[in-house]
Amino acid sequence: MKPSLSNQIFGHVTQRESLARLFTKDRLPSTLLFSGPEGIGKQLVAKELARTLLCKNPVIYGGCGNCSSCSLIESSNHPDFFTVASSDKEIWGTEGIKSLLHSLSLTSFAGTGRVIIFDDAEDLHTASANALLKSLEEPRPRTWFIIVTSNASKLPSTIRSRSQSWFFNALSEEDTDKAVTQLNLKFNDGEFTKADLRILASGSPGSTSRFLKYGELWLVIKKLLHDVYDGDVHEAAKGAPKLSKDKEALPLVLVFMRAVARDAMLRAGDSLKNDQRWATCVMNSVSAERLIFERNLSAQTTLLTLLMNLAPNRHSNKAPRGNLLDEIALP
């Protein structure tokens, strides 16, 4: 049996309780901006609020789950509830969004109001953002906009200034474990171990679903980084060329490297030297993204430098400097 919507949400207790209080007092603003890391459940919290606002038994936060309105939302068929996937330009291009916003001038079907969720709002085109801004400036009664983003800085300042901002933190390890267990994510060749899922989720379990077909790559990178950390520089020399060949997988290579290094860094305890080496790897995986995809440096050279800086220094007990921007000089 599929769990109810509220049972699918983990963490964010403070935000949900505050939203419930505003709803009870009829003080919810017409536009809310939900921001925070990707995959932590912001969209689920937005949907929970939408169900509350459109429920025919409005004394229950999250909706009663039994009325026709709640059932229609659950089946994605409610005529007054819209989720705009801003990254899907085929369906939600500028004309599609303008058409939706224009329809808000008509009377709502159920009479309880309307809720529009803009998911991945940072992907809105300028023209779409401008059309949305006009609707925010002239809000209609009982029409709520919930703008969901993992990068609020990419939104026009005019939209941010007209929204009540709510920030959502990454989930705790306990809540991540609960979400991961419920998602029951699997690699193509078998089930994720709980430890792997926790490392990959890093407080954002929803983002792990896009990794499912890369199970073998995850295992390769996890072994490679730990082998290099233990001093096997030959693995670094072999691994960098192999990992750099698949251009489509390169972004995930860096995501996986960052996840492995971050987990190892957190587990290093009080060992400053060990902590510094893994911390440097985390930092270098971020720099590598910019060097490879924005500055067009050789992926093989960049990955090799990253891996060699994770290896122990053979001539000293000190950790290497390890800054990719320093070590890979541009002409």
C-alpha atoms as a PDB file:
ATOM      1  CA  MET A   1       0.000   0.000   0.000  1.00  0.00           C
ATOM      2  CA  LYS A   2       1.293   3.432  -0.909  1.00  0.00           C
ATOM      3  CA  PRO A   3       1.937   5.595   2.186  1.00  0.00           C
ATOM      4  CA  SER A   4      -0.139   8.755   2.614  1.00  0.00           C
ATOM      5  CA  LEU A   5       1.388  12.015   1.487  1.00  0.00           C
ATOM      6  CA  SER A   6       2.179  13.218   5.021  1.00  0.00           C
ATOM      7  CA  ASN A   7       3.850   9.884   5.805  1.00  0.00           C
ATOM      8  CA  GLN A   8       6.146  10.363   2.809  1.00  0.00           C
ATOM      9  CA  ILE A   9       7.606  13.560   4.291  1.00  0.00           C
ATOM     10  CA  PHE A  10      10.547  13.295   6.657  1.00  0.00           C
ATOM     11  CA  GLY A  11      12.035  16.187   8.606  1.00  0.00           C
ATOM     12  CA  HIS A  12      11.123  19.864   8.084  1.00  0.00           C
ATOM     13  CA  VAL A  13       9.048  19.749  11.269  1.00  0.00           C
ATOM     14  CA  THR A  14       9.596  23.419  12.131  1.00  0.00           C
ATOM     15  CA  GLN A  15       8.573  24.640   8.670  1.00  0.00           C
ATOM     16  CA  ARG A  16       5.481  22.429   8.518  1.00  0.00           C
ATOM     17  CA  GLU A  17       4.346  23.440  11.992  1.00  0.00           C
ATOM     18  CA  SER A  18       4.790  27.120  11.108  1.00  0.00           C
ATOM     19  CA  LEU A  19       2.832  26.676   7.880  1.00  0.00           C
ATOM     20  CA  ALA A  20       0.076  24.937   9.822  1.00  0.00           C
ATOM     21  CA  ARG A  21      -0.143  27.845  12.280  1.00  0.00           C
ATOM     22  CA  LEU A  22      -0.375  30.398   9.475  1.00  0.00           C
ATOM     23  CA  PHE A  23      -3.057  28.305   7.777  1.00  0.00           C
ATOM     24  CA  THR A  24      -5.076  27.975  10.983  1.00  0.00           C
ATOM     25  CA  LYS A  25      -4.949  31.737  11.511  1.00  0.00           C
ATOM     26  CA  ASP A  26      -5.780  32.393   7.831  1.00  0.00           C
ATOM     27  CA  ARG A  27      -2.527  34.332   7.452  1.00  0.00           C
ATOM     28  CA  LEU A  28      -0.805  32.423   4.651  1.00  0.00           C
ATOM     29  CA  PRO A  29       0.657  34.811   2.056  1.00  0.00           C
ATOM     30  CA  SER A  30      -0.354  34.334  -1.563  1.00  0.00           C
ATOM     31  CA  THR A  31       3.224  33.557  -2.655  1.00  0.00           C
ATOM     32  CA  LEU A  32       5.711  31.326  -0.851  1.00  0.00           C
ATOM     33  CA  LEU A  33       9.269  30.543  -1.916  1.00  0.00           C
ATOM     34  CA  PHE A  34      10.563  27.133  -0.792  1.00  0.00           C
ATOM     35  CA  SER A  35      14.334  26.903  -1.242  1.00  0.00           C
ATOM     36  CA  GLY A  36      16.985  24.421  -0.132  1.00  0.00           C
ATOM     37  CA  PRO A  37      19.103  21.514  -1.409  1.00  0.00           C
ATOM     38  CA  GLU A  38      17.767  19.285  -4.172  1.00  0.00           C
ATOM     39  CA  GLY A  39      15.891  16.119  -3.257  1.00  0.00           C
ATOM     40  CA  ILE A  40      15.033  16.873   0.391  1.00  0.00           C
ATOM     41  CA  GLY A  41      11.231  16.922   0.072  1.00  0.00           C
ATOM     42  CA  LYS A  42      10.390  20.592  -0.593  1.00  0.00           C
ATOM     43  CA  GLN A  43       7.972  19.620  -3.344  1.00  0.00           C
ATOM     44  CA  LEU A  44       6.228  17.146  -1.033  1.00  0.00           C
ATOM     45  CA  VAL A  45       5.792  19.855   1.616  1.00  0.00           C
ATOM     46  CA  ALA A  46       4.367  22.144  -1.089  1.00  0.00           C
ATOM     47  CA  LYS A  47       1.914  19.441  -2.168  1.00  0.00           C
ATOM     48  CA  GLU A  48       0.916  18.832   1.452  1.00  0.00           C
ATOM     49  CA  LEU A  49       0.137  22.539   1.808  1.00  0.00           C
ATOM     50  CA  ALA A  50      -1.800  22.519  -1.479  1.00  0.00           C
ATOM     51  CA  ARG A  51      -3.928  19.630  -0.299  1.00  0.00           C
ATOM     52  CA  THR A  52      -4.602  21.536   2.930  1.00  0.00           C
ATOM     53  CA  LEU A  53      -5.732  24.654   1.065  1.00  0.00           C
ATOM     54  CA  LEU A  54      -8.047  22.775  -1.307  1.00  0.00           C
ATOM     55  CA  CYS A  55      -9.430  20.148   1.091  1.00  0.00           C
ATOM     56  CA  LYS A  56     -13.187  20.178   1.702  1.00  0.00           C
ATOM     57  CA  ASN A  57     -12.493  19.567   5.403  1.00  0.00           C
ATOM     58  CA  PRO A  58     -10.063  22.448   5.979  1.00  0.00           C
ATOM     59  CA  VAL A  59      -9.607  21.915   9.721  1.00  0.00           C
ATOM     60  CA  ILE A  60      -7.027  19.166   9.023  1.00  0.00           C
ATOM     61  CA  TYR A  61      -3.529  20.242   7.996  1.00  0.00           C
ATOM     62  CA  GLY A  62      -2.352  18.078   5.141  1.00  0.00           C
ATOM     63  CA  GLY A  63      -5.945  17.469   4.083  1.00  0.00           C
ATOM     64  CA  CYS A  64      -8.343  14.800   5.250  1.00  0.00           C
ATOM     65  CA  GLY A  65      -7.251  12.361   2.540  1.00  0.00           C
ATOM     66  CA  ASN A  66     -10.836  11.184   2.050  1.00  0.00           C
ATOM     67  CA  CYS A  67     -12.724  13.977   0.295  1.00  0.00           C
ATOM     68  CA  SER A  68     -13.012  14.293  -3.479  1.00  0.00           C
ATOM     69  CA  SER A  69     -10.515  17.169  -3.524  1.00  0.00           C
ATOM     70  CA  CYS A  70      -7.797  15.193  -1.725  1.00  0.00           C
ATOM     71  CA  SER A  71      -8.406  12.201  -3.998  1.00  0.00           C
ATOM     72  CA  LEU A  72      -8.149  14.346  -7.119  1.00  0.00           C
ATOM     73  CA  ILE A  73      -4.871  15.897  -5.937  1.00  0.00           C
ATOM     74  CA  GLU A  74      -3.445  12.474  -5.185  1.00  0.00           C
ATOM     75  CA  SER A  75      -4.321  11.306  -8.692  1.00  0.00           C
ATOM     76  CA  SER A  76      -3.007  14.577 -10.235  1.00  0.00           C
ATOM     77  CA  ASN A  77      -6.444  15.371 -11.666  1.00  0.00           C
ATOM     78  CA  HIS A  78      -7.596  18.305  -9.539  1.00  0.00           C
ATOM     79  CA  PRO A  79      -8.788  21.097 -11.872  1.00  0.00           C
ATOM     80  CA  ASP A  80      -7.601  23.819  -9.466  1.00  0.00           C
ATOM     81  CA  PHE A  81      -4.184  22.378  -8.637  1.00  0.00           C
ATOM     82  CA  PHE A  82      -1.257  22.753 -11.030  1.00  0.00           C
ATOM     83  CA  THR A  83       2.361  21.652 -10.825  1.00  0.00           C
ATOM     84  CA  VAL A  84       4.597  23.424 -13.329  1.00  0.00           C
ATOM     85  CA  ALA A  85       7.764  21.452 -14.084  1.00  0.00           C
ATOM     86  CA  SER A  86       9.813  24.482 -15.080  1.00  0.00           C
ATOM     87  CA  SER A  87      12.575  22.366 -16.628  1.00  0.00           C
ATOM     88  CA  ASP A  88      10.113  20.712 -19.067  1.00  0.00           C
ATOM     89  CA  LYS A  89      10.123  23.277 -21.872  1.00  0.00           C
ATOM     90  CA  GLU A  90       7.946  21.148 -24.181  1.00  0.00           C
ATOM     91  CA  ILE A  91       4.957  21.310 -21.861  1.00  0.00           C
ATOM     92  CA  TRP A  92       5.823  24.373 -19.798  1.00  0.00           C
ATOM     93  CA  GLY A  93       7.424  26.717 -22.263  1.00  0.00           C
ATOM     94  CA  THR A  94       6.619  30.421 -22.125  1.00  0.00           C
ATOM     95  CA  GLU A  95       3.311  30.046 -23.997  1.00  0.00           C
ATOM     96  CA  GLY A  96       2.179  27.171 -21.782  1.00  0.00           C
ATOM     97  CA  ILE A  97       2.889  29.148 -18.626  1.00  0.00           C
ATOM     98  CA  LYS A  98       1.218  32.295 -19.992  1.00  0.00           C
ATOM     99  CA  SER A  99      -1.865  30.249 -20.883  1.00  0.00           C
ATOM    100  CA  LEU A 100      -2.028  28.787 -17.381  1.00  0.00           C
ATOM    101  CA  LEU A 101      -1.634  32.175 -15.720  1.00  0.00           C
ATOM    102  CA  HIS A 102      -4.303  33.669 -17.991  1.00  0.00           C
ATOM    103  CA  SER A 103      -6.757  30.913 -16.974  1.00  0.00           C
ATOM    104  CA  LEU A 104      -6.481  32.048 -13.353  1.00  0.00           C
ATOM    105  CA  SER A 105      -8.733  34.987 -14.206  1.00  0.00           C
ATOM    106  CA  LEU A 106     -11.609  32.506 -14.549  1.00  0.00           C
ATOM    107  CA  THR A 107     -13.627  31.216 -11.594  1.00  0.00           C
ATOM    108  CA  SER A 108     -12.115  28.159  -9.926  1.00  0.00           C
ATOM    109  CA  PHE A 109     -13.860  24.862 -10.634  1.00  0.00           C
ATOM    110  CA  ALA A 110     -14.338  23.694  -7.053  1.00  0.00           C
ATOM    111  CA  GLY A 111     -14.699  27.156  -5.538  1.00  0.00           C
ATOM    112  CA  THR A 112     -12.149  26.548  -2.772  1.00  0.00           C
ATOM    113  CA  GLY A 113      -9.302  28.341  -4.533  1.00  0.00           C
ATOM    114  CA  ARG A 114      -6.318  27.487  -6.659  1.00  0.00           C
ATOM    115  CA  VAL A 115      -2.755  26.369  -5.925  1.00  0.00           C
ATOM    116  CA  ILE A 116       0.071  26.528  -8.447  1.00  0.00           C
ATOM    117  CA  ILE A 117       3.447  24.942  -7.638  1.00  0.00           C
ATOM    118  CA  PHE A 118       6.412  26.014  -9.757  1.00  0.00           C
ATOM    119  CA  ASP A 119       8.955  23.213  -9.335  1.00  0.00           C
ATOM    120  CA  ASP A 120      12.627  23.778 -10.288  1.00  0.00           C
ATOM    121  CA  ALA A 121      11.699  27.440 -10.670  1.00  0.00           C
ATOM    122  CA  GLU A 122      15.323  28.412 -11.304  1.00  0.00           C
ATOM    123  CA  ASP A 123      14.851  26.922 -14.811  1.00  0.00           C
ATOM    124  CA  LEU A 124      12.164  29.431 -15.818  1.00  0.00           C
ATOM    125  CA  HIS A 125      12.929  31.406 -18.982  1.00  0.00           C
ATOM    126  CA  THR A 126      13.065  35.176 -18.582  1.00  0.00           C
ATOM    127  CA  ALA A 127       9.776  35.640 -20.437  1.00  0.00           C
ATOM    128  CA  SER A 128       8.067  33.023 -18.239  1.00  0.00           C
ATOM    129  CA  ALA A 129       9.474  34.631 -15.082  1.00  0.00           C
ATOM    130  CA  ASN A 130       8.176  38.021 -16.208  1.00  0.00           C
ATOM    131  CA  ALA A 131       4.705  36.577 -16.846  1.00  0.00           C
ATOM    132  CA  LEU A 132       4.737  34.982 -13.403  1.00  0.00           C
ATOM    133  CA  LEU A 133       5.851  38.243 -11.828  1.00  0.00           C
ATOM    134  CA  LYS A 134       2.809  40.034 -13.229  1.00  0.00           C
ATOM    135  CA  SER A 135       0.514  37.440 -11.611  1.00  0.00           C
ATOM    136  CA  LEU A 136       2.352  37.805  -8.299  1.00  0.00           C
ATOM    137  CA  GLU A 137       1.942  41.577  -8.438  1.00  0.00           C
ATOM    138  CA  GLU A 138      -1.816  41.275  -8.963  1.00  0.00           C
ATOM    139  CA  PRO A 139      -2.787  38.189  -6.915  1.00  0.00           C
ATOM    140  CA  ARG A 140      -6.347  36.961  -7.205  1.00  0.00           C
ATOM    141  CA  PRO A 141      -8.310  36.021  -4.068  1.00  0.00           C
ATOM    142  CA  ARG A 142      -7.672  32.496  -2.805  1.00  0.00           C
ATOM    143  CA  THR A 143      -4.921  31.833  -5.334  1.00  0.00           C
ATOM    144  CA  TRP A 144      -1.623  30.629  -3.925  1.00  0.00           C
ATOM    145  CA  PHE A 145       1.724  30.303  -5.672  1.00  0.00           C
ATOM    146  CA  ILE A 146       4.384  28.018  -4.191  1.00  0.00           C
ATOM    147  CA  ILE A 147       7.759  28.513  -5.868  1.00  0.00           C
ATOM    148  CA  VAL A 148      10.147  25.611  -5.269  1.00  0.00           C
ATOM    149  CA  THR A 149      13.841  25.931  -6.062  1.00  0.00           C
ATOM    150  CA  SER A 150      17.222  24.488  -5.152  1.00  0.00           C
ATOM    151  CA  ASN A 151      18.945  27.704  -6.219  1.00  0.00           C
ATOM    152  CA  ALA A 152      16.998  30.809  -5.229  1.00  0.00           C
ATOM    153  CA  SER A 153      19.843  33.081  -6.363  1.00  0.00           C
ATOM    154  CA  LYS A 154      18.973  32.246  -9.998  1.00  0.00           C
ATOM    155  CA  LEU A 155      15.476  33.657  -9.618  1.00  0.00           C
ATOM    156  CA  PRO A 156      14.860  37.310 -10.499  1.00  0.00           C
ATOM    157  CA  SER A 157      15.138  39.512  -7.422  1.00  0.00           C
ATOM    158  CA  THR A 158      11.673  40.889  -8.206  1.00  0.00           C
ATOM    159  CA  ILE A 159      10.128  37.424  -7.717  1.00  0.00           C
ATOM    160  CA  ARG A 160      12.101  36.825  -4.528  1.00  0.00           C
ATOM    161  CA  SER A 161      11.018  40.168  -3.104  1.00  0.00           C
ATOM    162  CA  ARG A 162       7.329  39.370  -3.680  1.00  0.00           C
ATOM    163  CA  SER A 163       7.530  35.959  -2.008  1.00  0.00           C
ATOM    164  CA  GLN A 164       7.674  34.912   1.612  1.00  0.00           C
ATOM    165  CA  SER A 165      10.898  32.915   1.790  1.00  0.00           C
ATOM    166  CA  TRP A 166      11.135  29.520   3.513  1.00  0.00           C
ATOM    167  CA  PHE A 167      14.483  27.708   3.675  1.00  0.00           C
ATOM    168  CA  PHE A 168      14.624  23.913   4.037  1.00  0.00           C
ATOM    169  CA  ASN A 169      17.785  22.230   5.341  1.00  0.00           C
ATOM    170  CA  ALA A 170      19.206  18.894   4.245  1.00  0.00           C
ATOM    171  CA  LEU A 171      17.734  15.992   6.199  1.00  0.00           C
ATOM    172  CA  SER A 172      19.347  14.564   9.304  1.00  0.00           C
ATOM    173  CA  GLU A 173      20.975  11.147   9.045  1.00  0.00           C
ATOM    174  CA  GLU A 174      17.994   9.593  10.851  1.00  0.00           C
ATOM    175  CA  ASP A 175      15.441  11.156   8.487  1.00  0.00           C
ATOM    176  CA  THR A 176      17.609  10.292   5.474  1.00  0.00           C
ATOM    177  CA  ASP A 177      17.641   6.650   6.571  1.00  0.00           C
ATOM    178  CA  LYS A 178      13.835   6.656   6.881  1.00  0.00           C
ATOM    179  CA  ALA A 179      13.382   8.218   3.448  1.00  0.00           C
ATOM    180  CA  VAL A 180      15.894   5.864   1.850  1.00  0.00           C
ATOM    181  CA  THR A 181      14.144   2.833   3.374  1.00  0.00           C
ATOM    182  CA  GLN A 182      10.807   4.004   1.998  1.00  0.00           C
ATOM    183  CA  LEU A 183      12.213   4.749  -1.467  1.00  0.00           C
ATOM    184  CA  ASN A 184      13.692   1.215  -1.552  1.00  0.00           C
ATOM    185  CA  LEU A 185      16.072   2.311  -4.272  1.00  0.00           C
ATOM    186  CA  LYS A 186      17.902  -0.363  -6.215  1.00  0.00           C
ATOM    187  CA  PHE A 187      20.791  -0.548  -8.612  1.00  0.00           C
ATOM    188  CA  ASN A 188      20.161  -2.444 -11.824  1.00  0.00           C
ATOM    189  CA  ASP A 189      22.184  -5.376 -10.508  1.00  0.00           C
ATOM    190  CA  GLY A 190      20.912  -5.435  -6.938  1.00  0.00           C
ATOM    191  CA  GLU A 191      19.762  -3.428  -3.978  1.00  0.00           C
ATOM    192  CA  PHE A 192      21.682  -0.448  -2.637  1.00  0.00           C
ATOM    193  CA  THR A 193      23.257  -1.129   0.709  1.00  0.00           C
ATOM    194  CA  LYS A 194      21.913   1.185   3.367  1.00  0.00           C
ATOM    195  CA  ALA A 195      25.405   2.620   3.830  1.00  0.00           C
ATOM    196  CA  ASP A 196      25.721   3.423   0.111  1.00  0.00           C
ATOM    197  CA  LEU A 197      22.329   5.100   0.067  1.00  0.00           C
ATOM    198  CA  ARG A 198      23.160   7.232   3.080  1.00  0.00           C
ATOM    199  CA  ILE A 199      26.457   8.333   1.535  1.00  0.00           C
ATOM    200  CA  LEU A 200      24.833   9.200  -1.790  1.00  0.00           C
ATOM    201  CA  ALA A 201      21.806  10.884  -0.269  1.00  0.00           C
ATOM    202  CA  SER A 202      23.837  13.200   1.977  1.00  0.00           C
ATOM    203  CA  GLY A 203      20.599  14.580   3.400  1.00  0.00           C
ATOM    204  CA  SER A 204      18.887  14.729  -0.023  1.00  0.00           C
ATOM    205  CA  PRO A 205      17.384  11.260  -0.606  1.00  0.00           C
ATOM    206  CA  GLY A 206      15.144  12.356  -3.473  1.00  0.00           C
ATOM    207  CA  SER A 207      18.163  13.160  -5.631  1.00  0.00           C
ATOM    208  CA  THR A 208      19.475   9.585  -5.511  1.00  0.00           C
ATOM    209  CA  SER A 209      16.838   8.207  -7.888  1.00  0.00           C
ATOM    210  CA  ARG A 210      18.715   9.548 -10.921  1.00  0.00           C
ATOM    211  CA  PHE A 211      21.762   7.415 -10.000  1.00  0.00           C
ATOM    212  CA  LEU A 212      20.032   4.035 -10.267  1.00  0.00           C
ATOM    213  CA  LYS A 213      21.553   2.860 -13.534  1.00  0.00           C
ATOM    214  CA  TYR A 214      25.072   3.812 -12.452  1.00  0.00           C
ATOM    215  CA  GLY A 215      25.555   1.214  -9.731  1.00  0.00           C
ATOM    216  CA  GLU A 216      28.680  -0.249 -11.261  1.00  0.00           C
ATOM    217  CA  LEU A 217      30.237   3.208 -11.642  1.00  0.00           C
ATOM    218  CA  TRP A 218      29.539   3.983  -7.988  1.00  0.00           C
ATOM    219  CA  LEU A 219      31.292   0.809  -6.838  1.00  0.00           C
ATOM    220  CA  VAL A 220      34.286   1.509  -9.124  1.00  0.00           C
ATOM    221  CA  ILE A 221      34.723   5.064  -7.820  1.00  0.00           C
ATOM    222  CA  LYS A 222      34.309   4.099  -4.190  1.00  0.00           C
ATOM    223  CA  LYS A 223      37.023   1.429  -4.494  1.00  0.00           C
ATOM    224  CA  LEU A 224      39.281   3.699  -6.572  1.00  0.00           C
ATOM    225  CA  LEU A 225      39.268   6.576  -4.096  1.00  0.00           C
ATOM    226  CA  HIS A 226      39.962   4.369  -1.107  1.00  0.00           C
ATOM    227  CA  ASP A 227      42.736   2.518  -2.961  1.00  0.00           C
ATOM    228  CA  VAL A 228      44.387   5.811  -3.948  1.00  0.00           C
ATOM    229  CA  TYR A 229      43.965   7.157  -0.422  1.00  0.00           C
ATOM    230  CA  ASP A 230      45.836   4.066   0.838  1.00  0.00           C
ATOM    231  CA  GLY A 231      48.711   4.841  -1.529  1.00  0.00           C
ATOM    232  CA  ASP A 232      47.997   2.952  -4.753  1.00  0.00           C
ATOM    233  CA  VAL A 233      48.992   5.675  -7.246  1.00  0.00           C
ATOM    234  CA  HIS A 234      49.005   3.127 -10.080  1.00  0.00           C
ATOM    235  CA  GLU A 235      45.215   2.911  -9.691  1.00  0.00           C
ATOM    236  CA  ALA A 236      45.054   6.698 -10.062  1.00  0.00           C
ATOM    237  CA  ALA A 237      47.055   6.516 -13.294  1.00  0.00           C
ATOM    238  CA  LYS A 238      44.729   3.814 -14.670  1.00  0.00           C
ATOM    239  CA  GLY A 239      41.489   5.244 -13.308  1.00  0.00           C
ATOM    240  CA  ALA A 240      41.703   8.813 -14.616  1.00  0.00           C
ATOM    241  CA  PRO A 241      41.814   7.872 -18.358  1.00  0.00           C
ATOM    242  CA  LYS A 242      38.978   5.351 -17.961  1.00  0.00           C
ATOM    243  CA  LEU A 243      36.683   7.729 -16.070  1.00  0.00           C
ATOM    244  CA  SER A 244      37.307  10.609 -18.454  1.00  0.00           C
ATOM    245  CA  LYS A 245      36.245   8.664 -21.567  1.00  0.00           C
ATOM    246  CA  ASP A 246      32.480   8.698 -20.897  1.00  0.00           C
ATOM    247  CA  LYS A 247      31.612  12.383 -21.323  1.00  0.00           C
ATOM    248  CA  GLU A 248      27.949  11.890 -20.400  1.00  0.00           C
ATOM    249  CA  ALA A 249      28.839  10.186 -17.116  1.00  0.00           C
ATOM    250  CA  LEU A 250      31.516  12.736 -16.131  1.00  0.00           C
ATOM    251  CA  PRO A 251      29.173  14.920 -14.037  1.00  0.00           C
ATOM    252  CA  LEU A 252      28.136  11.832 -12.040  1.00  0.00           C
ATOM    253  CA  VAL A 253      31.774  10.779 -11.647  1.00  0.00           C
ATOM    254  CA  LEU A 254      32.409  14.028  -9.787  1.00  0.00           C
ATOM    255  CA  VAL A 255      29.181  13.735  -7.775  1.00  0.00           C
ATOM    256  CA  PHE A 256      30.174  10.220  -6.695  1.00  0.00           C
ATOM    257  CA  MET A 257      33.730  11.294  -5.864  1.00  0.00           C
ATOM    258  CA  ARG A 258      32.394  14.135  -3.742  1.00  0.00           C
ATOM    259  CA  ALA A 259      29.972  11.818  -1.927  1.00  0.00           C
ATOM    260  CA  VAL A 260      32.659   9.220  -1.139  1.00  0.00           C
ATOM    261  CA  ALA A 261      35.166  11.852   0.004  1.00  0.00           C
ATOM    262  CA  ARG A 262      32.615  13.707   2.125  1.00  0.00           C
ATOM    263  CA  ASP A 263      31.602  10.503   3.909  1.00  0.00           C
ATOM    264  CA  ALA A 264      35.236   9.515   4.524  1.00  0.00           C
ATOM    265  CA  MET A 265      36.018  13.034   5.790  1.00  0.00           C
ATOM    266  CA  LEU A 266      33.152  12.882   8.300  1.00  0.00           C
ATOM    267  CA  ARG A 267      34.356   9.496   9.515  1.00  0.00           C
ATOM    268  CA  ALA A 268      38.006  10.536   9.854  1.00  0.00           C
ATOM    269  CA  GLY A 269      37.493  11.619  13.448  1.00  0.00           C
ATOM    270  CA  ASP A 270      40.208  13.672  15.090  1.00  0.00           C
ATOM    271  CA  SER A 271      42.946  12.779  12.638  1.00  0.00           C
ATOM    272  CA  LEU A 272      43.740  16.196  11.133  1.00  0.00           C
ATOM    273  CA  LYS A 273      45.944  14.793   8.374  1.00  0.00           C
ATOM    274  CA  ASN A 274      43.327  12.264   7.238  1.00  0.00           C
ATOM    275  CA  ASP A 275      40.525  14.787   7.511  1.00  0.00           C
ATOM    276  CA  GLN A 276      42.498  17.292   5.425  1.00  0.00           C
ATOM    277  CA  ARG A 277      43.159  14.858   2.595  1.00  0.00           C
ATOM    278  CA  TRP A 278      39.513  13.913   2.232  1.00  0.00           C
ATOM    279  CA  ALA A 279      38.418  17.541   2.671  1.00  0.00           C
ATOM    280  CA  THR A 280      40.805  18.526  -0.115  1.00  0.00           C
ATOM    281  CA  CYS A 281      39.235  15.864  -2.330  1.00  0.00           C
ATOM    282  CA  VAL A 282      35.763  17.294  -1.671  1.00  0.00           C
ATOM    283  CA  MET A 283      36.997  20.788  -2.546  1.00  0.00           C
ATOM    284  CA  ASN A 284      38.804  19.547  -5.656  1.00  0.00           C
ATOM    285  CA  SER A 285      35.741  17.678  -6.934  1.00  0.00           C
ATOM    286  CA  VAL A 286      33.879  21.009  -6.892  1.00  0.00           C
ATOM    287  CA  SER A 287      36.747  22.812  -8.630  1.00  0.00           C
ATOM    288  CA  ALA A 288      36.998  20.003 -11.189  1.00  0.00           C
ATOM    289  CA  GLU A 289      33.426  20.637 -12.347  1.00  0.00           C
ATOM    290  CA  ARG A 290      34.277  24.219 -13.170  1.00  0.00           C
ATOM    291  CA  LEU A 291      37.601  23.374 -14.792  1.00  0.00           C
ATOM    292  CA  ILE A 292      36.178  20.628 -17.022  1.00  0.00           C
ATOM    293  CA  PHE A 293      32.764  22.000 -17.972  1.00  0.00           C
ATOM    294  CA  GLU A 294      33.302  25.765 -17.884  1.00  0.00           C
ATOM    295  CA  ARG A 295      36.984  26.184 -18.713  1.00  0.00           C
ATOM    296  CA  ASN A 296      37.268  23.130 -20.985  1.00  0.00           C
ATOM    297  CA  LEU A 297      40.371  21.686 -19.365  1.00  0.00           C
ATOM    298  CA  SER A 298      41.313  18.072 -20.074  1.00  0.00           C
ATOM    299  CA  ALA A 299      39.085  15.797 -17.988  1.00  0.00           C
ATOM    300  CA  GLN A 300      41.851  13.190 -17.789  1.00  0.00           C
ATOM    301  CA  THR A 301      44.434  15.678 -16.484  1.00  0.00           C
ATOM    302  CA  THR A 302      41.985  17.193 -14.005  1.00  0.00           C
ATOM    303  CA  LEU A 303      40.868  13.830 -12.613  1.00  0.00           C
ATOM    304  CA  LEU A 304      44.451  12.581 -12.381  1.00  0.00           C
ATOM    305  CA  THR A 305      45.466  15.684 -10.411  1.00  0.00           C
ATOM    306  CA  LEU A 306      42.497  15.232  -8.095  1.00  0.00           C
ATOM    307  CA  LEU A 307      43.378  11.591  -7.457  1.00  0.00           C
ATOM    308  CA  MET A 308      47.096  12.216  -6.960  1.00  0.00           C
ATOM    309  CA  ASN A 309      46.306  14.842  -4.350  1.00  0.00           C
ATOM    310  CA  LEU A 310      44.282  12.253  -2.440  1.00  0.00           C
ATOM    311  CA  ALA A 311      47.265   9.877  -2.296  1.00  0.00           C
ATOM    312  CA  PRO A 312      49.643  10.160   0.678  1.00  0.00           C
ATOM    313  CA  ASN A 313      52.710  12.308   0.126  1.00  0.00           C
ATOM    314  CA  ARG A 314      55.627   9.900  -0.247  1.00  0.00           C
ATOM    315  CA  HIS A 315      58.233  12.477   0.861  1.00  0.00           C
ATOM    316  CA  SER A 316      56.469  14.035   3.822  1.00  0.00           C
ATOM    317  CA  ASN A 317      53.859  13.380   6.487  1.00  0.00           C
ATOM    318  CA  LYS A 318      52.044  16.536   5.408  1.00  0.00           C
ATOM    319  CA  ALA A 319      49.021  16.417   3.159  1.00  0.00           C
ATOM    320  CA  PRO A 320      49.591  17.834  -0.337  1.00  0.00           C
ATOM    321  CA  ARG A 321      48.447  21.352  -1.122  1.00  0.00           C
ATOM    322  CA  GLY A 322      45.813  19.866  -3.402  1.00  0.00           C
ATOM    323  CA  ASN A 323      44.197  22.954  -4.908  1.00  0.00           C
ATOM    324  CA  LEU A 324      43.363  22.159  -8.527  1.00  0.00           C
ATOM    325  CA  LEU A 325      43.197  25.835  -9.464  1.00  0.00           C
ATOM    326  CA  ASP A 326      46.776  26.271  -8.251  1.00  0.00           C
ATOM    327  CA  GLU A 327      48.157  23.092  -9.780  1.00  0.00           C
ATOM    328  CA  ILE A 328      46.530  23.239 -13.227  1.00  0.00           C
ATOM    329  CA  ALA A 329      47.695  26.607 -14.540  1.00  0.00           C
ATOM    330  CA  LEU A 330      45.840  28.054 -17.478  1.00  0.00           C
ATOM    331  CA  PRO A 331      47.784  29.794 -20.268  1.00  0.00           C
END
